[in-house]
């Protein structure tokens, strides 16, 4: 297995370059390219061709390798299927938006949460990702953005092709971040210090791992926290999210509001709207009836939060259905009537399977 140069310390990289008979300044050149996200040695244009060939024969650049890249039809979303050094695979998504360039990163290979509406958990949990494996997803996206600029491709919906930096991070990809909390914190610290991404431009989404939320509170950084709620009563939430059997709604929300109140931040409540087809093929509302909207309003009354409503995105292996637009807006109207700040999320990249709940290992079935 080839060593990964991105994982080397400065001393280790200097020693590695010296063994190749190269001067010390070559190590700095290589490190600069690695920090920019160079996917291979041939892209390191200020290195001699023979050195690039030698490096290619005995090492690799990043801890991740692009297996497949998919572009949405509007050109604003790119999904990457990435392979790790042990051949496990993950996905990350680059979203070019009017407010900046956002990257959705994975924190685990696979997922153990077992949420009944989600594709990411279908193959179970393989392992946690390291700090470098999470951070490298940002570098993959950054390299893509700089290629956009070189090709004069408009990279933002407003046609702005000048901003080639990742500006926002959402830890909402495959895996439960708070089951890998130490590495996730290490990644966030590095994204802030090395890339200058502000705490308030980083959002972490969790199913509700209470000890992990408390760890974030102890850590004390003012990132944004999102709770995947999806039901306002324990019985229903346990049906679709097995983690609720361990950490009940009230315990999760208490811990989450303690974190968000510490930083005077709005807590994001994520709520996927689910329907189910009956024997006649009609879609009946599952977790988004008027009664449940009232219960959700009661649960969140006078709380500093925003409810993000997410119409379900189709997953072939799941037997849910998307509710009608009228049902979605009716649910939202009830929340608004009760004084709950809410919005309907604009989904990105549905045509490439990168919308909420759709991330999976595409190569798992030989696709």
Protein backbone atom coordinates (compact mmCIF):
# COMPACT_ATOMS: atom_id res chain seq x y z
CA UNK A 1 0.00 0.00 0.00
CA UNK A 2 1.48 3.35 -1.04
CA UNK A 3 2.10 5.91 1.71
CA UNK A 4 -0.20 8.94 1.74
CA UNK A 5 1.94 12.08 1.68
CA UNK A 6 -0.87 14.28 3.02
CA UNK A 7 -0.70 12.30 6.26
CA UNK A 8 3.03 12.97 6.72
CA UNK A 9 4.40 15.44 9.25
CA UNK A 10 6.80 18.09 7.95
CA UNK A 11 9.75 16.02 9.22
CA UNK A 12 8.47 12.82 7.63
CA UNK A 13 7.91 14.55 4.28
CA UNK A 14 11.40 16.07 4.37
CA UNK A 15 12.90 12.63 5.03
CA UNK A 16 10.82 11.04 2.28
CA UNK A 17 11.94 13.62 -0.29
CA UNK A 18 15.58 13.29 0.81
CA UNK A 19 15.46 9.52 0.21
CA UNK A 20 14.45 10.30 -3.37
CA UNK A 21 17.64 12.37 -3.71
CA UNK A 22 15.75 15.66 -3.89
CA UNK A 23 16.56 19.00 -2.22
CA UNK A 24 14.58 20.02 0.88
CA UNK A 25 12.62 22.76 -0.91
CA UNK A 26 10.84 20.09 -2.96
CA UNK A 27 9.06 18.95 0.21
CA UNK A 28 7.61 22.43 0.68
CA UNK A 29 6.47 22.52 -2.96
CA UNK A 30 4.75 19.15 -2.56
CA UNK A 31 3.11 20.22 0.71
CA UNK A 32 1.76 23.38 -0.92
CA UNK A 33 0.14 21.29 -3.65
CA UNK A 34 -1.31 18.84 -1.14
CA UNK A 35 -2.86 21.69 0.86
CA UNK A 36 -4.52 22.90 -2.34
CA UNK A 37 -6.05 19.46 -2.90
CA UNK A 38 -3.91 18.19 -5.77
CA UNK A 39 -5.41 14.78 -6.67
CA UNK A 40 -2.24 13.43 -8.31
CA UNK A 41 1.42 14.24 -8.80
CA UNK A 42 1.07 15.14 -12.48
CA UNK A 43 -0.86 18.25 -11.44
CA UNK A 44 2.17 19.53 -9.46
CA UNK A 45 3.48 21.54 -12.39
CA UNK A 46 6.53 23.08 -10.72
CA UNK A 47 8.06 19.65 -10.02
CA UNK A 48 10.38 18.03 -12.58
CA UNK A 49 8.65 15.44 -14.74
CA UNK A 50 10.93 12.64 -13.54
CA UNK A 51 10.17 13.46 -9.90
CA UNK A 52 6.45 13.40 -10.63
CA UNK A 53 6.83 9.97 -12.18
CA UNK A 54 8.91 8.72 -9.24
CA UNK A 55 6.34 10.01 -6.75
CA UNK A 56 3.50 8.43 -8.69
CA UNK A 57 5.27 5.07 -8.51
CA UNK A 58 5.86 5.10 -4.76
CA UNK A 59 3.24 7.32 -3.07
CA UNK A 60 -0.21 8.88 -3.29
CA UNK A 61 -1.37 12.40 -2.56
CA UNK A 62 -4.58 12.52 -0.48
CA UNK A 63 -6.32 9.92 1.73
CA UNK A 64 -9.21 9.90 -0.76
CA UNK A 65 -9.40 9.16 -4.47
CA UNK A 66 -12.22 10.19 -6.80
CA UNK A 67 -13.97 7.12 -8.19
CA UNK A 68 -16.90 8.90 -9.78
CA UNK A 69 -18.08 12.49 -10.20
CA UNK A 70 -21.67 13.44 -11.00
CA UNK A 71 -22.90 16.90 -12.03
CA UNK A 72 -26.48 18.07 -11.55
CA UNK A 73 -28.32 19.28 -14.66
CA UNK A 74 -28.18 22.92 -13.46
CA UNK A 75 -24.41 22.73 -12.91
CA UNK A 76 -24.69 23.93 -9.32
CA UNK A 77 -24.17 20.62 -7.50
CA UNK A 78 -21.35 18.09 -7.83
CA UNK A 79 -21.32 14.75 -6.01
CA UNK A 80 -18.07 12.84 -5.53
CA UNK A 81 -17.80 9.13 -4.82
CA UNK A 82 -14.48 8.78 -3.02
CA UNK A 83 -12.42 5.71 -2.20
CA UNK A 84 -10.34 5.53 0.96
CA UNK A 85 -6.99 3.78 1.26
CA UNK A 86 -8.62 0.58 2.57
CA UNK A 87 -11.09 0.60 -0.40
CA UNK A 88 -14.05 1.74 1.73
CA UNK A 89 -16.08 4.41 -0.04
CA UNK A 90 -17.78 7.64 0.97
CA UNK A 91 -19.57 10.53 -0.73
CA UNK A 92 -19.34 14.29 -0.43
CA UNK A 93 -21.30 17.02 -2.20
CA UNK A 94 -20.28 20.47 -3.43
CA UNK A 95 -23.14 22.98 -3.66
CA UNK A 96 -22.61 26.30 -5.43
CA UNK A 97 -25.12 28.72 -3.93
CA UNK A 98 -25.89 32.43 -4.05
CA UNK A 99 -24.37 32.88 -0.57
CA UNK A 100 -21.18 30.86 -1.16
CA UNK A 101 -19.76 27.44 -1.91
CA UNK A 102 -20.92 24.80 0.57
CA UNK A 103 -19.58 21.27 1.02
CA UNK A 104 -21.52 18.44 2.65
CA UNK A 105 -19.01 16.01 4.14
CA UNK A 106 -19.32 12.46 5.45
CA UNK A 107 -18.00 11.58 8.91
CA UNK A 108 -18.21 7.78 8.66
CA UNK A 109 -18.05 5.10 6.00
CA UNK A 110 -21.60 3.83 6.22
CA UNK A 111 -23.97 4.51 9.10
CA UNK A 112 -25.29 2.55 12.08
CA UNK A 113 -28.34 4.70 12.84
CA UNK A 114 -30.84 2.66 10.84
CA UNK A 115 -33.22 5.53 10.04
CA UNK A 116 -36.05 4.03 7.99
CA UNK A 117 -36.23 6.80 5.38
CA UNK A 118 -32.51 7.09 4.56
CA UNK A 119 -30.21 5.44 2.01
CA UNK A 120 -26.97 6.08 3.89
CA UNK A 121 -27.62 3.39 6.49
CA UNK A 122 -28.57 0.55 4.13
CA UNK A 123 -25.16 -1.15 4.28
CA UNK A 124 -24.53 -0.46 7.97
CA UNK A 125 -21.47 1.13 9.52
CA UNK A 126 -18.02 0.24 8.17
CA UNK A 127 -15.81 2.56 10.25
CA UNK A 128 -15.15 6.09 11.45
CA UNK A 129 -13.23 8.53 9.25
CA UNK A 130 -10.01 10.16 10.42
CA UNK A 131 -9.53 13.92 10.63
CA UNK A 132 -7.51 13.84 7.39
CA UNK A 133 -10.15 11.78 5.56
CA UNK A 134 -12.88 14.26 6.48
CA UNK A 135 -10.69 17.28 5.72
CA UNK A 136 -9.66 15.86 2.34
CA UNK A 137 -13.28 16.03 1.21
CA UNK A 138 -13.05 19.82 1.50
CA UNK A 139 -9.85 19.80 -0.53
CA UNK A 140 -11.49 17.74 -3.29
CA UNK A 141 -14.24 20.35 -3.53
CA UNK A 142 -11.74 23.22 -3.40
CA UNK A 143 -9.78 21.73 -6.30
CA UNK A 144 -12.99 21.37 -8.29
CA UNK A 145 -13.86 25.04 -7.70
CA UNK A 146 -10.44 26.18 -8.87
CA UNK A 147 -10.81 24.09 -12.01
CA UNK A 148 -14.15 25.86 -12.54
CA UNK A 149 -12.35 29.18 -12.40
CA UNK A 150 -9.60 28.09 -14.80
CA UNK A 151 -12.24 26.98 -17.30
CA UNK A 152 -14.24 30.23 -16.82
CA UNK A 153 -17.26 28.22 -15.74
CA UNK A 154 -19.75 30.27 -13.68
CA UNK A 155 -19.58 28.55 -10.32
CA UNK A 156 -22.37 30.39 -8.53
CA UNK A 157 -26.05 30.79 -9.46
CA UNK A 158 -25.53 34.55 -9.91
CA UNK A 159 -22.85 33.88 -12.53
CA UNK A 160 -19.94 34.90 -10.30
CA UNK A 161 -16.87 32.94 -11.37
CA UNK A 162 -14.44 34.79 -9.10
CA UNK A 163 -15.01 33.07 -5.78
CA UNK A 164 -13.10 29.78 -5.84
CA UNK A 165 -13.13 29.07 -2.11
CA UNK A 166 -15.22 26.76 0.04
CA UNK A 167 -17.09 29.12 2.37
CA UNK A 168 -19.51 26.83 4.27
CA UNK A 169 -19.38 23.28 5.65
CA UNK A 170 -22.28 21.03 6.54
CA UNK A 171 -21.48 17.78 8.33
CA UNK A 172 -24.59 16.06 7.01
CA UNK A 173 -23.18 13.38 4.73
CA UNK A 174 -22.99 9.67 5.42
CA UNK A 175 -22.63 8.70 9.07
CA UNK A 176 -23.54 10.08 12.48
CA UNK A 177 -20.95 12.77 13.34
CA UNK A 178 -21.35 12.44 17.09
CA UNK A 179 -20.43 8.76 16.97
CA UNK A 180 -17.07 10.03 15.69
CA UNK A 181 -17.02 13.18 17.78
CA UNK A 182 -13.29 13.48 18.47
CA UNK A 183 -12.30 13.28 14.81
CA UNK A 184 -15.16 15.57 13.78
CA UNK A 185 -14.06 18.19 16.31
CA UNK A 186 -10.48 17.84 15.06
CA UNK A 187 -11.70 18.37 11.49
CA UNK A 188 -13.74 21.47 12.40
CA UNK A 189 -10.82 22.98 14.30
CA UNK A 190 -8.60 22.44 11.27
CA UNK A 191 -11.12 23.84 8.79
CA UNK A 192 -11.34 26.96 10.95
CA UNK A 193 -7.59 27.41 11.49
CA UNK A 194 -6.20 26.29 8.14
CA UNK A 195 -8.96 27.37 5.74
CA UNK A 196 -10.37 30.29 7.70
CA UNK A 197 -13.94 29.00 7.64
CA UNK A 198 -15.80 30.73 10.47
CA UNK A 199 -17.51 28.77 13.25
CA UNK A 200 -20.90 30.19 12.24
CA UNK A 201 -20.46 28.88 8.71
CA UNK A 202 -20.13 25.28 9.93
CA UNK A 203 -23.23 23.18 10.67
CA UNK A 204 -23.26 19.76 12.30
CA UNK A 205 -26.34 17.55 12.01
CA UNK A 206 -27.06 14.73 14.46
CA UNK A 207 -29.78 12.15 15.03
CA UNK A 208 -29.51 13.01 18.73
CA UNK A 209 -26.50 11.37 20.38
CA UNK A 210 -26.90 13.10 23.75
CA UNK A 211 -23.35 12.46 25.12
CA UNK A 212 -21.98 13.85 21.85
CA UNK A 213 -24.10 17.00 22.10
CA UNK A 214 -22.84 17.48 25.65
CA UNK A 215 -19.28 17.05 24.35
CA UNK A 216 -19.90 19.87 21.87
CA UNK A 217 -21.14 22.05 24.72
CA UNK A 218 -17.94 21.37 26.68
CA UNK A 219 -15.87 22.05 23.55
CA UNK A 220 -17.46 25.50 23.41
CA UNK A 221 -17.13 26.50 19.75
CA UNK A 222 -20.14 28.44 18.32
CA UNK A 223 -20.90 26.21 15.33
CA UNK A 224 -24.48 25.65 14.19
CA UNK A 225 -26.27 22.55 15.46
CA UNK A 226 -29.04 20.74 13.60
CA UNK A 227 -31.20 18.01 15.13
CA UNK A 228 -32.79 15.39 12.88
CA UNK A 229 -36.15 15.22 14.65
CA UNK A 230 -38.69 13.96 12.09
CA UNK A 231 -41.46 13.29 14.63
CA UNK A 232 -42.84 15.24 17.63
CA UNK A 233 -43.76 12.20 19.77
CA UNK A 234 -41.53 9.41 21.03
CA UNK A 235 -43.62 6.49 19.78
CA UNK A 236 -43.60 7.70 16.18
CA UNK A 237 -39.96 8.82 16.25
CA UNK A 238 -38.87 5.40 17.53
CA UNK A 239 -40.63 3.77 14.56
CA UNK A 240 -38.51 5.64 12.03
CA UNK A 241 -35.37 6.42 14.08
CA UNK A 242 -34.16 3.55 16.30
CA UNK A 243 -31.80 5.89 18.16
CA UNK A 244 -34.89 7.33 19.88
CA UNK A 245 -35.15 4.10 21.87
CA UNK A 246 -31.93 5.14 23.61
CA UNK A 247 -32.21 8.93 23.68
CA UNK A 248 -35.78 10.21 23.95
CA UNK A 249 -37.04 13.40 22.33
CA UNK A 250 -37.07 15.45 25.50
CA UNK A 251 -33.50 14.48 26.45
CA UNK A 252 -32.21 15.26 22.96
CA UNK A 253 -33.88 18.67 22.80
CA UNK A 254 -32.80 19.62 26.29
CA UNK A 255 -29.16 18.91 25.43
CA UNK A 256 -29.46 20.64 22.03
CA UNK A 257 -31.03 23.82 23.40
CA UNK A 258 -28.41 23.95 26.14
CA UNK A 259 -25.76 24.01 23.39
CA UNK A 260 -27.51 26.58 21.17
CA UNK A 261 -28.46 28.84 24.08
CA UNK A 262 -24.82 28.91 25.20
CA UNK A 263 -23.91 30.59 21.91
CA UNK A 264 -27.17 32.49 21.40
CA UNK A 265 -27.73 30.56 18.18
CA UNK A 266 -30.90 29.29 16.61
CA UNK A 267 -31.21 25.53 16.83
CA UNK A 268 -32.08 23.98 13.49
CA UNK A 269 -34.77 21.32 13.62
CA UNK A 270 -34.74 19.08 10.55
CA UNK A 271 -38.05 17.43 9.76
CA UNK A 272 -38.46 15.10 6.79
CA UNK A 273 -42.06 14.97 5.61
CA UNK A 274 -43.11 11.39 4.89
CA UNK A 275 -46.09 9.81 3.21
CA UNK A 276 -47.01 6.20 2.50
CA UNK A 277 -48.97 4.70 -0.37
CA UNK A 278 -52.13 2.81 0.54
CA UNK A 279 -53.54 -0.20 -1.28
CA UNK A 280 -55.12 2.12 -3.85
CA UNK A 281 -51.81 3.77 -4.60
CA UNK A 282 -52.80 7.02 -2.93
CA UNK A 283 -50.32 8.79 -0.67
CA UNK A 284 -51.44 9.02 2.95
CA UNK A 285 -49.65 11.34 5.35
CA UNK A 286 -47.37 9.57 7.81
CA UNK A 287 -45.52 12.05 10.04
CA UNK A 288 -46.92 15.30 8.64
CA UNK A 289 -50.60 15.42 9.55
CA UNK A 290 -52.21 18.57 10.92
CA UNK A 291 -52.37 16.95 14.36
CA UNK A 292 -48.63 16.29 14.34
CA UNK A 293 -47.94 19.85 13.18
CA UNK A 294 -49.80 21.06 16.27
CA UNK A 295 -47.80 18.69 18.50
CA UNK A 296 -44.53 19.87 16.96
CA UNK A 297 -45.61 23.48 17.58
CA UNK A 298 -46.32 22.67 21.20
CA UNK A 299 -42.96 20.94 21.60
CA UNK A 300 -41.05 23.95 20.25
CA UNK A 301 -43.18 26.78 21.63
CA UNK A 302 -41.12 29.81 22.75
CA UNK A 303 -37.87 28.08 21.75
CA UNK A 304 -35.09 29.74 19.74
CA UNK A 305 -35.21 27.43 16.75
CA UNK A 306 -35.98 27.17 13.06
CA UNK A 307 -37.77 24.18 11.55
CA UNK A 308 -36.35 23.05 8.22
CA UNK A 309 -39.08 21.08 6.41
CA UNK A 310 -37.73 18.54 3.94
CA UNK A 311 -40.13 16.72 1.58
CA UNK A 312 -38.87 13.14 1.37
CA UNK A 313 -36.42 12.41 -1.45
CA UNK A 314 -37.04 9.03 -3.06
CA UNK A 315 -34.91 6.05 -2.04
CA UNK A 316 -35.69 2.85 -4.00
CA UNK A 317 -35.30 0.50 -1.04
CA UNK A 318 -37.67 2.46 1.21
CA UNK A 319 -41.47 2.26 1.09
CA UNK A 320 -42.21 5.90 1.87
CA UNK A 321 -43.59 8.47 -0.56
CA UNK A 322 -43.36 12.23 -0.85
CA UNK A 323 -46.44 14.12 0.37
CA UNK A 324 -48.15 16.55 -2.00
CA UNK A 325 -47.11 20.17 -2.17
CA UNK A 326 -50.43 21.13 -0.58
CA UNK A 327 -49.74 18.86 2.40
CA UNK A 328 -46.25 20.30 2.81
CA UNK A 329 -47.51 23.88 2.80
CA UNK A 330 -50.39 23.07 5.14
CA UNK A 331 -47.93 21.59 7.66
CA UNK A 332 -45.77 24.72 7.35
CA UNK A 333 -48.78 27.04 7.70
CA UNK A 334 -49.75 25.45 11.02
CA UNK A 335 -46.24 25.92 12.38
CA UNK A 336 -46.16 29.55 11.26
CA UNK A 337 -49.62 30.18 12.76
CA UNK A 338 -48.25 28.93 16.07
CA UNK A 339 -45.25 31.26 15.93
CA UNK A 340 -42.66 28.67 14.84
CA UNK A 341 -40.01 29.98 12.44
CA UNK A 342 -40.02 27.53 9.53
CA UNK A 343 -38.99 27.13 5.93
CA UNK A 344 -39.16 24.47 3.24
CA UNK A 345 -35.67 23.40 2.21
CA UNK A 346 -34.74 23.84 -1.40
CA UNK A 347 -33.21 20.52 -2.35
CA UNK A 348 -30.15 20.42 -4.55
CA UNK A 349 -28.87 17.64 -6.76
CA UNK A 350 -31.88 15.31 -6.63
CA UNK A 351 -31.11 14.22 -10.20
CA UNK A 352 -27.71 12.87 -9.05
CA UNK A 353 -28.89 11.35 -5.76
CA UNK A 354 -27.23 13.96 -3.56
CA UNK A 355 -30.27 15.43 -1.83
CA UNK A 356 -31.03 14.88 1.86
CA UNK A 357 -31.33 11.18 2.69
CA UNK A 358 -30.11 9.98 -0.71
CA UNK A 359 -26.37 9.59 -0.12
CA UNK A 360 -25.21 6.02 -0.50
CA UNK A 361 -22.28 4.04 -1.87
CA UNK A 362 -23.20 3.98 -5.56
CA UNK A 363 -20.57 1.39 -6.41
CA UNK A 364 -21.98 -1.02 -3.83
CA UNK A 365 -24.21 -2.58 -6.46
CA UNK A 366 -21.68 -2.25 -9.25
CA UNK A 367 -23.22 0.92 -10.64
